[in-house]
Amino acid sequence: MARASGLSGLLICLAGLLAMHGSVAAPADATPPVAPVVAVWKMQQLTFEYRGSSTFYSCRSLHDKLEVILIGVGAREGMDLRSYTCDETSGVARFQIRFESPVVATPENVIAITTHDRTEELVARVNGKHLENAVDVQRFAAVWRTVSFARDRKMKLAPGDCELVEQVRQQILPQLSIQTVRDNVRCSAAFGNISPPRLTVSALMATNEDE
């Protein structure tokens, strides 16, 4: 009986050790890495209008902030950002923005970005340029990354940037490959803002080696 009891105790001990080992090797809350997807660059051209009631920017400062925000959510560097109305005293500015942003390389997206109208074809022919087709369009690896506007050090957003982020969220972000994760942007012109705008998104971004 003593021998049987000792054997049972040993088996229980071994089972406990195996359970502990298993929990260390494969924790239940482990998150698998997100696999890259194949993406292509999509040319974007849009007009952005800023109307500030509590925060006024210089034209150059607003230009720089817009560029940093767009790059922070996946836009390609080297964008063309021009102001055609900018009144620093009234807080009203309008920008024409032309840039490239990543989209998943679905057949529909590839066809959309490689379909050209007659004007584009004529301009390309006059300038001796080749328009990309579905075969030679650049493809690259991209991943979905979580971006916190409040915590991203490159954006350097302050509480006073709340109105800007609110208007970027309304006018620009819907045109990009972006999914909203958390939207706590609450701007107050009367009482001010005590923290940077709290907006978290999942943005499609080119991996470093393919940028």
N, C-alpha and C. Protein backbone atom coordinates (compact mmCIF):
# COMPACT_ATOMS: atom_id res chain seq x y z
N MET A 1 0.82 -1.21 0.00
CA MET A 1 0.00 0.00 0.00
C MET A 1 0.86 1.27 0.00
N ALA A 2 1.97 1.22 0.81
CA ALA A 2 2.85 2.38 0.87
C ALA A 2 3.50 2.63 -0.47
N ARG A 3 3.86 1.48 -1.15
CA ARG A 3 4.52 1.62 -2.45
C ARG A 3 3.56 2.22 -3.48
N ALA A 4 2.29 1.76 -3.43
CA ALA A 4 1.30 2.28 -4.38
C ALA A 4 1.05 3.76 -4.12
N SER A 5 1.00 4.11 -2.83
CA SER A 5 0.77 5.51 -2.49
C SER A 5 1.92 6.39 -2.97
N GLY A 6 3.16 5.89 -2.84
CA GLY A 6 4.31 6.65 -3.29
C GLY A 6 4.30 6.84 -4.80
N LEU A 7 3.86 5.78 -5.55
CA LEU A 7 3.80 5.86 -7.00
C LEU A 7 2.77 6.90 -7.44
N SER A 8 1.64 6.90 -6.75
CA SER A 8 0.59 7.87 -7.08
C SER A 8 1.08 9.30 -6.87
N GLY A 9 1.81 9.47 -5.78
CA GLY A 9 2.34 10.80 -5.50
C GLY A 9 3.32 11.26 -6.56
N LEU A 10 4.15 10.31 -7.05
CA LEU A 10 5.13 10.64 -8.09
C LEU A 10 4.43 11.04 -9.39
N LEU A 11 3.36 10.30 -9.73
CA LEU A 11 2.62 10.60 -10.96
C LEU A 11 1.97 11.98 -10.89
N ILE A 12 1.43 12.31 -9.70
CA ILE A 12 0.81 13.62 -9.52
C ILE A 12 1.84 14.73 -9.67
N CYS A 13 3.03 14.49 -9.10
CA CYS A 13 4.11 15.47 -9.19
C CYS A 13 4.55 15.70 -10.63
N LEU A 14 4.69 14.56 -11.40
CA LEU A 14 5.09 14.66 -12.80
C LEU A 14 4.05 15.40 -13.62
N ALA A 15 2.78 15.12 -13.33
CA ALA A 15 1.70 15.81 -14.06
C ALA A 15 1.75 17.31 -13.82
N GLY A 16 2.05 17.69 -12.57
CA GLY A 16 2.15 19.11 -12.24
C GLY A 16 3.29 19.78 -12.97
N LEU A 17 4.45 19.08 -13.05
CA LEU A 17 5.60 19.63 -13.74
C LEU A 17 5.33 19.81 -15.23
N LEU A 18 4.65 18.80 -15.83
CA LEU A 18 4.32 18.89 -17.25
C LEU A 18 3.38 20.05 -17.52
N ALA A 19 2.42 20.25 -16.62
CA ALA A 19 1.47 21.35 -16.79
C ALA A 19 2.18 22.69 -16.72
N MET A 20 3.13 22.78 -15.76
CA MET A 20 3.88 24.03 -15.63
C MET A 20 4.73 24.28 -16.85
N HIS A 21 5.37 23.25 -17.38
CA HIS A 21 6.22 23.39 -18.56
C HIS A 21 5.40 23.82 -19.77
N GLY A 22 4.24 23.22 -19.91
CA GLY A 22 3.38 23.56 -21.05
C GLY A 22 2.93 24.99 -21.00
N SER A 23 2.62 25.48 -19.79
CA SER A 23 2.13 26.85 -19.69
C SER A 23 3.22 27.86 -20.01
N VAL A 24 4.48 27.51 -19.76
CA VAL A 24 5.58 28.41 -20.08
C VAL A 24 5.87 28.40 -21.57
N ALA A 25 5.80 27.22 -22.19
CA ALA A 25 6.15 27.09 -23.60
C ALA A 25 5.10 27.71 -24.51
N ALA A 26 3.83 27.64 -24.13
CA ALA A 26 2.77 28.15 -24.99
C ALA A 26 1.70 28.84 -24.14
N PRO A 27 1.94 30.06 -23.70
CA PRO A 27 0.97 30.76 -22.88
C PRO A 27 -0.34 30.94 -23.62
N ALA A 28 -1.44 30.87 -22.85
CA ALA A 28 -2.75 30.91 -23.46
C ALA A 28 -3.04 32.25 -24.13
N ASP A 29 -2.42 33.33 -23.61
CA ASP A 29 -2.72 34.66 -24.16
C ASP A 29 -1.70 35.12 -25.18
N ALA A 30 -0.87 34.19 -25.70
CA ALA A 30 0.13 34.56 -26.69
C ALA A 30 -0.56 35.06 -27.96
N THR A 31 -0.07 36.18 -28.53
CA THR A 31 -0.64 36.74 -29.75
C THR A 31 0.27 36.44 -30.93
N PRO A 32 -0.20 35.72 -31.95
CA PRO A 32 0.64 35.40 -33.09
C PRO A 32 0.98 36.64 -33.88
N PRO A 33 2.18 36.71 -34.47
CA PRO A 33 2.55 37.88 -35.25
C PRO A 33 1.63 38.04 -36.47
N VAL A 34 1.37 39.29 -36.85
CA VAL A 34 0.52 39.56 -38.00
C VAL A 34 1.35 39.41 -39.27
N ALA A 35 0.85 38.60 -40.20
CA ALA A 35 1.59 38.34 -41.44
C ALA A 35 1.49 39.55 -42.38
N PRO A 36 2.57 39.87 -43.09
CA PRO A 36 2.52 40.97 -44.07
C PRO A 36 1.56 40.63 -45.20
N VAL A 37 1.08 41.67 -45.86
CA VAL A 37 0.23 41.51 -47.03
C VAL A 37 0.91 42.19 -48.21
N VAL A 38 0.52 41.83 -49.41
CA VAL A 38 1.06 42.48 -50.61
C VAL A 38 0.24 43.74 -50.87
N ALA A 39 0.94 44.85 -51.06
CA ALA A 39 0.27 46.13 -51.24
C ALA A 39 0.82 46.86 -52.46
N VAL A 40 0.11 47.89 -52.87
CA VAL A 40 0.54 48.78 -53.97
C VAL A 40 0.31 50.21 -53.52
N TRP A 41 1.02 51.14 -54.16
CA TRP A 41 0.84 52.56 -53.83
C TRP A 41 -0.32 53.13 -54.63
N LYS A 42 -1.22 53.81 -53.95
CA LYS A 42 -2.35 54.48 -54.60
C LYS A 42 -2.16 55.99 -54.50
N MET A 43 -2.22 56.65 -55.65
CA MET A 43 -2.10 58.10 -55.66
C MET A 43 -3.38 58.73 -55.13
N GLN A 44 -3.22 59.64 -54.17
CA GLN A 44 -4.35 60.33 -53.57
C GLN A 44 -4.22 61.83 -53.86
N GLN A 45 -5.32 62.44 -54.18
CA GLN A 45 -5.33 63.89 -54.35
C GLN A 45 -6.61 64.42 -53.70
N LEU A 46 -6.46 65.27 -52.70
CA LEU A 46 -7.63 65.77 -51.99
C LEU A 46 -7.39 67.18 -51.47
N THR A 47 -8.48 67.81 -51.10
CA THR A 47 -8.43 69.14 -50.51
C THR A 47 -8.75 69.04 -49.03
N PHE A 48 -7.92 69.65 -48.22
CA PHE A 48 -8.14 69.66 -46.78
C PHE A 48 -8.36 71.09 -46.33
N GLU A 49 -9.40 71.29 -45.54
CA GLU A 49 -9.69 72.62 -45.01
C GLU A 49 -9.64 72.60 -43.49
N TYR A 50 -8.84 73.48 -42.94
CA TYR A 50 -8.74 73.59 -41.48
C TYR A 50 -9.41 74.88 -41.03
N ARG A 51 -10.27 74.75 -40.02
CA ARG A 51 -10.91 75.90 -39.39
C ARG A 51 -10.70 75.79 -37.88
N GLY A 52 -9.85 76.63 -37.36
CA GLY A 52 -9.53 76.58 -35.95
C GLY A 52 -10.29 77.63 -35.15
N SER A 53 -10.87 77.22 -34.05
CA SER A 53 -11.56 78.18 -33.18
C SER A 53 -10.74 78.51 -31.94
N SER A 54 -9.82 77.59 -31.57
CA SER A 54 -9.00 77.83 -30.38
C SER A 54 -7.51 77.76 -30.67
N THR A 55 -7.12 77.10 -31.77
CA THR A 55 -5.70 76.97 -32.11
C THR A 55 -5.47 77.50 -33.52
N PHE A 56 -4.59 78.52 -33.61
CA PHE A 56 -4.22 79.09 -34.90
C PHE A 56 -2.77 78.68 -35.19
N TYR A 57 -2.51 78.26 -36.41
CA TYR A 57 -1.15 77.86 -36.80
C TYR A 57 -0.61 78.85 -37.83
N SER A 58 0.71 78.93 -37.88
CA SER A 58 1.32 79.58 -39.03
C SER A 58 1.15 78.63 -40.21
N CYS A 59 1.20 79.16 -41.42
CA CYS A 59 1.01 78.31 -42.60
C CYS A 59 2.06 77.21 -42.64
N ARG A 60 3.29 77.54 -42.31
CA ARG A 60 4.38 76.55 -42.35
C ARG A 60 4.17 75.49 -41.28
N SER A 61 3.77 75.90 -40.10
CA SER A 61 3.56 74.95 -39.01
C SER A 61 2.43 73.97 -39.34
N LEU A 62 1.35 74.47 -39.92
CA LEU A 62 0.23 73.60 -40.29
C LEU A 62 0.65 72.64 -41.39
N HIS A 63 1.40 73.13 -42.35
CA HIS A 63 1.94 72.29 -43.43
C HIS A 63 2.75 71.14 -42.83
N ASP A 64 3.66 71.46 -41.92
CA ASP A 64 4.53 70.44 -41.34
C ASP A 64 3.75 69.43 -40.51
N LYS A 65 2.77 69.89 -39.75
CA LYS A 65 1.98 68.98 -38.92
C LYS A 65 1.16 68.01 -39.79
N LEU A 66 0.58 68.51 -40.85
CA LEU A 66 -0.17 67.65 -41.76
C LEU A 66 0.73 66.58 -42.37
N GLU A 67 1.91 66.98 -42.79
CA GLU A 67 2.84 66.04 -43.40
C GLU A 67 3.25 64.96 -42.40
N VAL A 68 3.56 65.34 -41.18
CA VAL A 68 3.98 64.38 -40.16
C VAL A 68 2.84 63.41 -39.83
N ILE A 69 1.63 63.92 -39.72
CA ILE A 69 0.49 63.05 -39.42
C ILE A 69 0.26 62.05 -40.54
N LEU A 70 0.29 62.51 -41.79
CA LEU A 70 0.05 61.62 -42.92
C LEU A 70 1.11 60.53 -43.02
N ILE A 71 2.37 60.89 -42.85
CA ILE A 71 3.44 59.89 -42.88
C ILE A 71 3.28 58.93 -41.71
N GLY A 72 2.81 59.45 -40.57
CA GLY A 72 2.61 58.61 -39.39
C GLY A 72 1.55 57.54 -39.57
N VAL A 73 0.63 57.73 -40.51
CA VAL A 73 -0.40 56.72 -40.74
C VAL A 73 -0.22 56.02 -42.09
N GLY A 74 1.01 56.08 -42.64
CA GLY A 74 1.33 55.23 -43.78
C GLY A 74 1.58 55.91 -45.10
N ALA A 75 1.35 57.22 -45.22
CA ALA A 75 1.58 57.89 -46.50
C ALA A 75 3.07 57.87 -46.85
N ARG A 76 3.33 57.85 -48.13
CA ARG A 76 4.71 57.81 -48.61
C ARG A 76 5.36 59.18 -48.50
N GLU A 77 6.62 59.21 -48.14
CA GLU A 77 7.33 60.48 -48.04
C GLU A 77 7.47 61.11 -49.43
N GLY A 78 7.64 62.41 -49.47
CA GLY A 78 7.78 63.11 -50.74
C GLY A 78 6.45 63.60 -51.28
N MET A 79 5.48 63.85 -50.41
CA MET A 79 4.17 64.31 -50.85
C MET A 79 4.21 65.77 -51.29
N ASP A 80 3.22 66.16 -52.07
CA ASP A 80 3.09 67.53 -52.53
C ASP A 80 1.93 68.16 -51.77
N LEU A 81 2.24 69.12 -50.90
CA LEU A 81 1.25 69.71 -50.02
C LEU A 81 1.30 71.23 -50.19
N ARG A 82 0.27 71.79 -50.84
CA ARG A 82 0.28 73.20 -51.15
C ARG A 82 -0.93 73.91 -50.56
N SER A 83 -0.68 75.07 -50.00
CA SER A 83 -1.78 75.87 -49.46
C SER A 83 -2.20 76.87 -50.52
N TYR A 84 -3.50 76.97 -50.78
CA TYR A 84 -3.97 78.00 -51.69
C TYR A 84 -4.84 79.03 -50.97
N THR A 85 -5.11 78.78 -49.71
CA THR A 85 -5.70 79.78 -48.83
C THR A 85 -5.13 79.54 -47.44
N CYS A 86 -4.54 80.55 -46.84
CA CYS A 86 -4.01 80.38 -45.50
C CYS A 86 -4.00 81.73 -44.80
N ASP A 87 -4.95 81.91 -43.91
CA ASP A 87 -5.06 83.15 -43.15
C ASP A 87 -4.71 82.86 -41.69
N GLU A 88 -3.53 83.24 -41.28
CA GLU A 88 -3.04 82.91 -39.95
C GLU A 88 -3.81 83.65 -38.85
N THR A 89 -4.47 84.74 -39.19
CA THR A 89 -5.18 85.51 -38.18
C THR A 89 -6.60 84.99 -37.92
N SER A 90 -7.20 84.37 -38.94
CA SER A 90 -8.57 83.85 -38.79
C SER A 90 -8.60 82.37 -38.48
N GLY A 91 -7.45 81.69 -38.63
CA GLY A 91 -7.41 80.25 -38.37
C GLY A 91 -8.03 79.42 -39.46
N VAL A 92 -8.11 79.95 -40.68
CA VAL A 92 -8.68 79.23 -41.81
C VAL A 92 -7.59 78.94 -42.84
N ALA A 93 -7.50 77.70 -43.27
CA ALA A 93 -6.51 77.33 -44.28
C ALA A 93 -7.05 76.20 -45.15
N ARG A 94 -6.69 76.21 -46.42
CA ARG A 94 -7.06 75.15 -47.35
C ARG A 94 -5.80 74.65 -48.04
N PHE A 95 -5.67 73.35 -48.09
CA PHE A 95 -4.49 72.73 -48.70
C PHE A 95 -4.91 71.76 -49.79
N GLN A 96 -4.15 71.77 -50.87
CA GLN A 96 -4.28 70.74 -51.90
C GLN A 96 -3.17 69.73 -51.62
N ILE A 97 -3.54 68.48 -51.38
CA ILE A 97 -2.56 67.47 -50.98
C ILE A 97 -2.54 66.35 -52.01
N ARG A 98 -1.34 66.04 -52.47
CA ARG A 98 -1.15 64.95 -53.43
C ARG A 98 -0.09 64.01 -52.85
N PHE A 99 -0.45 62.77 -52.62
CA PHE A 99 0.47 61.82 -52.00
C PHE A 99 0.08 60.40 -52.36
N GLU A 100 0.97 59.47 -52.02
CA GLU A 100 0.70 58.05 -52.25
C GLU A 100 0.50 57.36 -50.91
N SER A 101 -0.45 56.45 -50.85
CA SER A 101 -0.68 55.67 -49.64
C SER A 101 -0.89 54.21 -50.04
N PRO A 102 -0.57 53.28 -49.15
CA PRO A 102 -0.67 51.86 -49.49
C PRO A 102 -2.10 51.35 -49.44
N VAL A 103 -2.43 50.48 -50.39
CA VAL A 103 -3.69 49.73 -50.37
C VAL A 103 -3.35 48.27 -50.65
N VAL A 104 -4.17 47.36 -50.15
CA VAL A 104 -3.94 45.94 -50.40
C VAL A 104 -4.04 45.68 -51.90
N ALA A 105 -3.14 44.87 -52.42
CA ALA A 105 -3.05 44.64 -53.87
C ALA A 105 -4.11 43.64 -54.34
N THR A 106 -5.37 43.97 -54.11
CA THR A 106 -6.45 43.14 -54.64
C THR A 106 -6.56 43.41 -56.14
N PRO A 107 -7.13 42.49 -56.91
CA PRO A 107 -7.30 42.75 -58.35
C PRO A 107 -8.05 44.04 -58.62
N GLU A 108 -9.05 44.35 -57.79
CA GLU A 108 -9.83 45.57 -57.99
C GLU A 108 -8.98 46.82 -57.78
N ASN A 109 -8.15 46.82 -56.74
CA ASN A 109 -7.30 47.98 -56.47
C ASN A 109 -6.24 48.17 -57.54
N VAL A 110 -5.65 47.07 -58.00
CA VAL A 110 -4.62 47.15 -59.04
C VAL A 110 -5.23 47.70 -60.33
N ILE A 111 -6.41 47.23 -60.68
CA ILE A 111 -7.07 47.73 -61.89
C ILE A 111 -7.39 49.22 -61.75
N ALA A 112 -7.86 49.61 -60.57
CA ALA A 112 -8.24 51.00 -60.34
C ALA A 112 -7.05 51.96 -60.50
N ILE A 113 -5.88 51.57 -59.99
CA ILE A 113 -4.74 52.50 -60.04
C ILE A 113 -3.98 52.43 -61.36
N THR A 114 -4.29 51.44 -62.19
CA THR A 114 -3.60 51.34 -63.49
C THR A 114 -4.54 51.60 -64.66
N THR A 115 -5.72 52.10 -64.36
CA THR A 115 -6.66 52.49 -65.41
C THR A 115 -6.53 54.00 -65.61
N HIS A 116 -6.18 54.41 -66.81
CA HIS A 116 -5.89 55.82 -67.08
C HIS A 116 -6.87 56.38 -68.11
N ASP A 117 -7.23 57.64 -67.92
CA ASP A 117 -8.12 58.26 -68.90
C ASP A 117 -7.30 58.80 -70.07
N ARG A 118 -7.99 59.32 -71.06
CA ARG A 118 -7.32 59.75 -72.30
C ARG A 118 -6.39 60.93 -72.06
N THR A 119 -6.78 61.80 -71.13
CA THR A 119 -5.92 62.95 -70.82
C THR A 119 -4.60 62.50 -70.22
N GLU A 120 -4.66 61.55 -69.27
CA GLU A 120 -3.43 61.04 -68.66
C GLU A 120 -2.55 60.35 -69.70
N GLU A 121 -3.16 59.61 -70.58
CA GLU A 121 -2.39 58.93 -71.63
C GLU A 121 -1.73 59.93 -72.56
N LEU A 122 -2.44 61.01 -72.90
CA LEU A 122 -1.89 62.04 -73.79
C LEU A 122 -0.73 62.76 -73.13
N VAL A 123 -0.90 63.14 -71.85
CA VAL A 123 0.16 63.84 -71.12
C VAL A 123 1.40 62.95 -71.02
N ALA A 124 1.20 61.67 -70.75
CA ALA A 124 2.33 60.75 -70.65
C ALA A 124 3.05 60.62 -71.99
N ARG A 125 2.29 60.57 -73.06
CA ARG A 125 2.89 60.43 -74.39
C ARG A 125 3.70 61.67 -74.74
N VAL A 126 3.15 62.85 -74.44
CA VAL A 126 3.86 64.10 -74.75
C VAL A 126 5.15 64.20 -73.95
N ASN A 127 5.12 63.75 -72.70
CA ASN A 127 6.30 63.83 -71.83
C ASN A 127 7.21 62.61 -71.93
N GLY A 128 6.86 61.68 -72.80
CA GLY A 128 7.69 60.50 -72.99
C GLY A 128 7.73 59.58 -71.78
N LYS A 129 6.62 59.56 -71.02
CA LYS A 129 6.56 58.73 -69.82
C LYS A 129 5.74 57.47 -70.06
N HIS A 130 6.07 56.44 -69.29
CA HIS A 130 5.36 55.17 -69.39
C HIS A 130 4.39 55.05 -68.22
N LEU A 131 3.12 54.81 -68.54
CA LEU A 131 2.13 54.61 -67.50
C LEU A 131 2.14 53.16 -67.06
N GLU A 132 2.15 52.96 -65.74
CA GLU A 132 2.19 51.59 -65.22
C GLU A 132 0.94 50.82 -65.59
N ASN A 133 1.14 49.53 -65.85
CA ASN A 133 0.00 48.65 -66.06
C ASN A 133 -0.06 47.63 -64.93
N ALA A 134 -1.03 46.73 -64.98
CA ALA A 134 -1.24 45.79 -63.89
C ALA A 134 -0.06 44.85 -63.69
N VAL A 135 0.76 44.69 -64.73
CA VAL A 135 1.89 43.76 -64.63
C VAL A 135 3.09 44.41 -63.96
N ASP A 136 3.42 45.64 -64.36
CA ASP A 136 4.66 46.24 -63.84
C ASP A 136 4.45 47.20 -62.67
N VAL A 137 3.21 47.34 -62.16
CA VAL A 137 2.99 48.21 -61.01
C VAL A 137 3.78 47.67 -59.81
N GLN A 138 4.38 48.58 -59.06
CA GLN A 138 5.22 48.18 -57.92
C GLN A 138 4.38 47.54 -56.82
N ARG A 139 4.82 46.38 -56.37
CA ARG A 139 4.20 45.69 -55.24
C ARG A 139 5.22 45.58 -54.12
N PHE A 140 4.73 45.62 -52.89
CA PHE A 140 5.63 45.58 -51.75
C PHE A 140 4.91 44.99 -50.55
N ALA A 141 5.68 44.64 -49.53
CA ALA A 141 5.10 44.07 -48.31
C ALA A 141 4.63 45.19 -47.39
N ALA A 142 3.47 45.00 -46.80
CA ALA A 142 2.92 45.98 -45.86
C ALA A 142 2.28 45.25 -44.70
N VAL A 143 2.18 45.93 -43.57
CA VAL A 143 1.57 45.33 -42.38
C VAL A 143 0.60 46.34 -41.76
N TRP A 144 -0.35 45.82 -41.02
CA TRP A 144 -1.27 46.67 -40.26
C TRP A 144 -0.62 47.00 -38.91
N ARG A 145 -0.43 48.28 -38.65
CA ARG A 145 0.20 48.71 -37.41
C ARG A 145 -0.74 49.61 -36.62
N THR A 146 -0.70 49.44 -35.31
CA THR A 146 -1.51 50.28 -34.43
C THR A 146 -0.78 51.59 -34.17
N VAL A 147 -1.47 52.69 -34.41
CA VAL A 147 -0.88 54.02 -34.24
C VAL A 147 -1.72 54.80 -33.24
N SER A 148 -1.09 55.26 -32.17
CA SER A 148 -1.76 56.09 -31.18
C SER A 148 -1.33 57.55 -31.41
N PHE A 149 -2.27 58.40 -31.75
CA PHE A 149 -1.96 59.80 -31.99
C PHE A 149 -1.44 60.47 -30.72
N ALA A 150 -1.92 60.03 -29.57
CA ALA A 150 -1.50 60.65 -28.31
C ALA A 150 -0.10 60.24 -27.90
N ARG A 151 0.34 59.04 -28.31
CA ARG A 151 1.61 58.51 -27.83
C ARG A 151 2.72 58.50 -28.88
N ASP A 152 2.36 58.67 -30.14
CA ASP A 152 3.37 58.62 -31.19
C ASP A 152 4.33 59.80 -31.06
N ARG A 153 5.60 59.51 -30.79
CA ARG A 153 6.59 60.56 -30.54
C ARG A 153 6.92 61.34 -31.81
N LYS A 154 6.80 60.70 -32.97
CA LYS A 154 7.13 61.39 -34.21
C LYS A 154 6.08 62.46 -34.55
N MET A 155 4.84 62.19 -34.20
CA MET A 155 3.80 63.18 -34.47
C MET A 155 3.93 64.42 -33.58
N LYS A 156 4.37 64.22 -32.35
CA LYS A 156 4.58 65.32 -31.40
C LYS A 156 3.33 66.19 -31.25
N LEU A 157 2.20 65.54 -31.07
CA LEU A 157 0.95 66.28 -30.95
C LEU A 157 0.75 66.77 -29.52
N ALA A 158 0.20 67.97 -29.41
CA ALA A 158 -0.06 68.60 -28.11
C ALA A 158 -1.57 68.71 -27.91
N PRO A 159 -2.00 69.04 -26.70
CA PRO A 159 -3.44 69.22 -26.47
C PRO A 159 -4.08 70.21 -27.45
N GLY A 160 -3.33 71.24 -27.83
CA GLY A 160 -3.87 72.24 -28.74
C GLY A 160 -4.09 71.75 -30.15
N ASP A 161 -3.61 70.54 -30.48
CA ASP A 161 -3.78 69.99 -31.82
C ASP A 161 -5.08 69.21 -31.97
N CYS A 162 -5.93 69.29 -30.96
CA CYS A 162 -7.16 68.48 -30.97
C CYS A 162 -8.04 68.79 -32.18
N GLU A 163 -8.25 70.08 -32.46
CA GLU A 163 -9.10 70.46 -33.60
C GLU A 163 -8.52 69.95 -34.91
N LEU A 164 -7.21 70.02 -35.05
CA LEU A 164 -6.56 69.56 -36.28
C LEU A 164 -6.78 68.06 -36.47
N VAL A 165 -6.56 67.29 -35.41
CA VAL A 165 -6.75 65.83 -35.51
C VAL A 165 -8.21 65.51 -35.80
N GLU A 166 -9.12 66.23 -35.19
CA GLU A 166 -10.55 66.00 -35.41
C GLU A 166 -10.90 66.21 -36.88
N GLN A 167 -10.35 67.26 -37.49
CA GLN A 167 -10.66 67.55 -38.89
C GLN A 167 -9.92 66.62 -39.85
N VAL A 168 -8.71 66.19 -39.49
CA VAL A 168 -8.01 65.18 -40.28
C VAL A 168 -8.79 63.86 -40.25
N ARG A 169 -9.29 63.52 -39.10
CA ARG A 169 -10.09 62.29 -38.95
C ARG A 169 -11.33 62.33 -39.85
N GLN A 170 -11.94 63.48 -39.96
CA GLN A 170 -13.16 63.60 -40.75
C GLN A 170 -12.89 63.68 -42.25
N GLN A 171 -11.83 64.39 -42.65
CA GLN A 171 -11.64 64.69 -44.07
C GLN A 171 -10.64 63.78 -44.79
N ILE A 172 -9.63 63.31 -44.06
CA ILE A 172 -8.54 62.58 -44.73
C ILE A 172 -8.54 61.08 -44.42
N LEU A 173 -8.65 60.72 -43.16
CA LEU A 173 -8.50 59.31 -42.79
C LEU A 173 -9.47 58.37 -43.50
N PRO A 174 -10.72 58.79 -43.78
CA PRO A 174 -11.61 57.87 -44.50
C PRO A 174 -11.13 57.50 -45.90
N GLN A 175 -10.18 58.29 -46.46
CA GLN A 175 -9.66 58.00 -47.80
C GLN A 175 -8.48 57.02 -47.77
N LEU A 176 -8.00 56.68 -46.59
CA LEU A 176 -6.82 55.83 -46.45
C LEU A 176 -7.19 54.43 -45.98
N SER A 177 -6.20 53.53 -46.04
CA SER A 177 -6.39 52.17 -45.53
C SER A 177 -6.22 52.20 -44.01
N ILE A 178 -7.27 52.61 -43.34
CA ILE A 178 -7.22 52.83 -41.90
C ILE A 178 -8.50 52.31 -41.26
N GLN A 179 -8.33 51.64 -40.12
CA GLN A 179 -9.46 51.20 -39.31
C GLN A 179 -9.34 51.86 -37.94
N THR A 180 -10.43 52.44 -37.47
CA THR A 180 -10.41 53.10 -36.17
C THR A 180 -10.46 52.05 -35.06
N VAL A 181 -9.52 52.12 -34.14
CA VAL A 181 -9.47 51.21 -33.00
C VAL A 181 -10.14 51.85 -31.78
N ARG A 182 -9.80 53.11 -31.53
CA ARG A 182 -10.37 53.83 -30.39
C ARG A 182 -10.44 55.32 -30.72
N ASP A 183 -11.62 55.89 -30.57
CA ASP A 183 -11.80 57.30 -30.89
C ASP A 183 -12.33 58.03 -29.66
N ASN A 184 -11.41 58.71 -28.98
CA ASN A 184 -11.78 59.50 -27.81
C ASN A 184 -11.42 60.97 -28.02
N VAL A 185 -11.50 61.41 -29.28
CA VAL A 185 -11.19 62.81 -29.58
C VAL A 185 -12.37 63.68 -29.16
N ARG A 186 -12.16 64.49 -28.15
CA ARG A 186 -13.18 65.39 -27.66
C ARG A 186 -12.55 66.77 -27.48
N CYS A 187 -12.84 67.67 -28.39
CA CYS A 187 -12.22 68.98 -28.36
C CYS A 187 -13.15 70.00 -27.71
N SER A 188 -12.58 70.88 -26.92
CA SER A 188 -13.36 71.91 -26.24
C SER A 188 -12.69 73.27 -26.42
N ALA A 189 -13.34 74.12 -27.21
CA ALA A 189 -12.80 75.46 -27.41
C ALA A 189 -13.00 76.32 -26.17
N ALA A 190 -14.05 76.03 -25.41
CA ALA A 190 -14.37 76.85 -24.23
C ALA A 190 -13.49 76.53 -23.04
N PHE A 191 -13.25 75.24 -22.80
CA PHE A 191 -12.52 74.83 -21.60
C PHE A 191 -11.08 74.38 -21.88
N GLY A 192 -10.72 74.30 -23.14
CA GLY A 192 -9.37 73.86 -23.48
C GLY A 192 -9.24 72.35 -23.41
N ASN A 193 -8.08 71.85 -23.81
CA ASN A 193 -7.81 70.41 -23.82
C ASN A 193 -6.59 70.15 -22.97
N ILE A 194 -6.68 69.16 -22.11
CA ILE A 194 -5.60 68.91 -21.15
C ILE A 194 -4.66 67.80 -21.59
N SER A 195 -4.99 67.10 -22.66
CA SER A 195 -4.12 66.00 -23.12
C SER A 195 -4.13 65.95 -24.64
N PRO A 196 -3.11 65.34 -25.26
CA PRO A 196 -3.10 65.20 -26.71
C PRO A 196 -4.33 64.44 -27.19
N PRO A 197 -4.77 64.69 -28.41
CA PRO A 197 -5.97 64.02 -28.94
C PRO A 197 -5.82 62.51 -28.90
N ARG A 198 -6.79 61.84 -28.29
CA ARG A 198 -6.72 60.40 -28.09
C ARG A 198 -7.45 59.66 -29.20
N LEU A 199 -6.69 59.36 -30.24
CA LEU A 199 -7.20 58.61 -31.38
C LEU A 199 -6.23 57.48 -31.68
N THR A 200 -6.73 56.27 -31.75
CA THR A 200 -5.90 55.10 -32.06
C THR A 200 -6.47 54.42 -33.29
N VAL A 201 -5.62 54.16 -34.27
CA VAL A 201 -6.05 53.53 -35.51
C VAL A 201 -5.14 52.37 -35.87
N SER A 202 -5.63 51.52 -36.73
CA SER A 202 -4.81 50.48 -37.35
C SER A 202 -4.60 50.89 -38.79
N ALA A 203 -3.34 51.15 -39.17
CA ALA A 203 -3.05 51.69 -40.48
C ALA A 203 -2.17 50.73 -41.28
N LEU A 204 -2.47 50.62 -42.57
CA LEU A 204 -1.64 49.79 -43.44
C LEU A 204 -0.38 50.57 -43.79
N MET A 205 0.80 49.98 -43.50
CA MET A 205 2.05 50.68 -43.68
C MET A 205 3.07 49.78 -44.36
N ALA A 206 3.86 50.36 -45.25
CA ALA A 206 4.92 49.61 -45.92
C ALA A 206 5.95 49.17 -44.89
N THR A 207 6.46 47.97 -45.02
CA THR A 207 7.54 47.53 -44.14
C THR A 207 8.80 48.30 -44.49
N ASN A 208 9.70 48.42 -43.52
CA ASN A 208 10.89 49.27 -43.71
C ASN A 208 11.71 48.90 -44.93
N GLU A 209 11.85 47.61 -45.17
CA GLU A 209 12.74 47.19 -46.27
C GLU A 209 12.16 47.50 -47.64
N ASP A 210 10.84 47.81 -47.69
CA ASP A 210 10.22 48.05 -48.97
C ASP A 210 9.78 49.50 -49.16
N GLU A 211 10.05 50.33 -48.20
CA GLU A 211 9.65 51.72 -48.30
C GLU A 211 10.52 52.46 -49.28
